[in-house]
C-alpha atoms as a PDB file:
ATOM      1  CA  MET A   1      -0.470  -0.273  -0.044  1.00  0.00           C
ATOM      2  CA  LEU A   2       1.450   3.308  -0.657  1.00  0.00           C
ATOM      3  CA  VAL A   3       1.163   6.453   2.055  1.00  0.00           C
ATOM      4  CA  LEU A   4       0.813   8.995  -0.038  1.00  0.00           C
ATOM      5  CA  ARG A   5       0.866  12.609   2.026  1.00  0.00           C
ATOM      6  CA  ARG A   6      -1.593  15.568   0.603  1.00  0.00           C
ATOM      7  CA  ARG A   7      -2.187  19.208   1.248  1.00  0.00           C
ATOM      8  CA  ILE A   8      -5.917  21.131   0.388  1.00  0.00           C
ATOM      9  CA  GLY A   9      -5.395  21.081  -4.179  1.00  0.00           C
ATOM     10  CA  GLU A  10      -2.416  18.949  -4.632  1.00  0.00           C
ATOM     11  CA  GLU A  11      -3.816  16.034  -6.953  1.00  0.00           C
ATOM     12  CA  ILE A  12      -3.382  11.917  -7.123  1.00  0.00           C
ATOM     13  CA  ILE A  13      -2.798  10.681 -10.319  1.00  0.00           C
ATOM     14  CA  ILE A  14      -3.632   6.877 -11.425  1.00  0.00           C
ATOM     15  CA  ASN A  15      -3.464   5.881 -15.133  1.00  0.00           C
ATOM     16  CA  GLU A  16      -2.759   9.060 -16.522  1.00  0.00           C
ATOM     17  CA  ASN A  17      -6.374   8.658 -16.473  1.00  0.00           C
ATOM     18  CA  ILE A  18      -8.066   8.766 -12.640  1.00  0.00           C
ATOM     19  CA  ARG A  19      -6.835  12.139 -10.204  1.00  0.00           C
ATOM     20  CA  ILE A  20      -7.906  12.525  -7.076  1.00  0.00           C
ATOM     21  CA  VAL A  21      -7.831  15.670  -5.253  1.00  0.00           C
ATOM     22  CA  VAL A  22      -8.528  16.812  -1.871  1.00  0.00           C
ATOM     23  CA  ALA A  23     -10.863  19.081  -1.012  1.00  0.00           C
ATOM     24  CA  GLN A  24     -10.900  19.655   2.183  1.00  0.00           C
ATOM     25  CA  THR A  25      -9.475  18.072   5.289  1.00  0.00           C
ATOM     26  CA  THR A  26     -10.903  18.627   8.951  1.00  0.00           C
ATOM     27  CA  GLU A  27      -9.465  18.218  12.128  1.00  0.00           C
ATOM     28  CA  GLY A  28     -11.094  14.697  11.363  1.00  0.00           C
ATOM     29  CA  GLY A  29     -10.710  13.799   7.925  1.00  0.00           C
ATOM     30  CA  CYS A  30     -10.971  14.857   4.081  1.00  0.00           C
ATOM     31  CA  SER A  31     -13.361  14.456   1.434  1.00  0.00           C
ATOM     32  CA  LEU A  32     -11.628  14.059  -1.531  1.00  0.00           C
ATOM     33  CA  ALA A  33     -12.870  14.435  -5.573  1.00  0.00           C
ATOM     34  CA  ILE A  34     -12.325  11.891  -8.558  1.00  0.00           C
ATOM     35  CA  GLU A  35     -12.322  12.178 -12.043  1.00  0.00           C
ATOM     36  CA  ALA A  36     -12.571   8.999 -13.641  1.00  0.00           C
ATOM     37  CA  PRO A  37     -13.562   7.579 -16.992  1.00  0.00           C
ATOM     38  CA  LYS A  38     -16.886   6.531 -16.585  1.00  0.00           C
ATOM     39  CA  SER A  39     -16.377   2.487 -16.950  1.00  0.00           C
ATOM     40  CA  TYR A  40     -14.527   2.535 -13.764  1.00  0.00           C
ATOM     41  CA  ARG A  41     -17.153   2.204 -10.742  1.00  0.00           C
ATOM     42  CA  ILE A  42     -16.085   3.563  -8.196  1.00  0.00           C
ATOM     43  CA  ARG A  43     -17.863   3.576  -4.265  1.00  0.00           C
ATOM     44  CA  ARG A  44     -16.814   3.069  -0.932  1.00  0.00           C
ATOM     45  CA  ALA A  45     -15.007   0.091   0.743  1.00  0.00           C
ATOM     46  CA  GLU A  46     -18.185  -0.336   3.747  1.00  0.00           C
ATOM     47  CA  LEU A  47     -20.990  -0.968   0.990  1.00  0.00           C
ATOM     48  CA  PRO A  48     -21.636  -2.811  -0.851  1.00  0.00           C
ATOM     49  CA  PRO A  49     -20.562  -4.234  -4.583  1.00  0.00           C
ATOM     50  CA  PHE A  50     -23.270  -2.240  -6.538  1.00  0.00           C
ATOM     51  CA  GLN A  51     -25.683  -4.145  -8.372  1.00  0.00           C
ATOM     52  CA  GLU A  52     -26.331  -3.677 -12.059  1.00  0.00           C
ATOM     53  CA  SER A  53     -30.494  -4.321 -12.168  1.00  0.00           C
ATOM     54  CA  ILE A  54     -30.024  -1.695  -9.169  1.00  0.00           C
ATOM     55  CA  ILE A  55     -28.102   1.015 -11.123  1.00  0.00           C
ATOM     56  CA  GLN A  56     -30.998   0.275 -14.248  1.00  0.00           C
ATOM     57  CA  ARG A  57     -33.763   1.063 -12.160  1.00  0.00           C
ATOM     58  CA  VAL A  58     -32.313   4.138 -10.647  1.00  0.00           C
ATOM     59  CA  ALA A  59     -30.954   5.806 -13.826  1.00  0.00           C
ATOM     60  CA  SER A  60     -34.271   4.800 -15.793  1.00  0.00           C
ATOM     61  CA  SER A  61     -36.584   6.541 -12.591  1.00  0.00           C
ATOM     62  CA  LEU A  62     -34.474   9.612 -13.436  1.00  0.00           C
ATOM     63  CA  GLN A  63     -34.797  10.076 -16.419  1.00  0.00           C
ATOM     64  CA  VAL A  64     -37.267  13.187 -18.060  1.00  0.00           C
ATOM     65  CA  HIS A  65     -40.240  11.268 -20.043  1.00  0.00           C
ATOM     66  CA  GLN A  66     -41.636  13.225 -22.614  1.00  0.00           C
END
């Protein structure tokens, strides 16, 4: 595991197509901004893996009907 120290506004680049920026820090943690291709699934480790059927239902419910 690589451990890096970063300050607000500093970035980490992974594979030239994923960018992680430290957006905010507090005494107890930090906020990260992550930019990655849409084909990459990004989730918090404590959440279960995405289920494709749930994603499709949510995406279809968000579509505007004409």
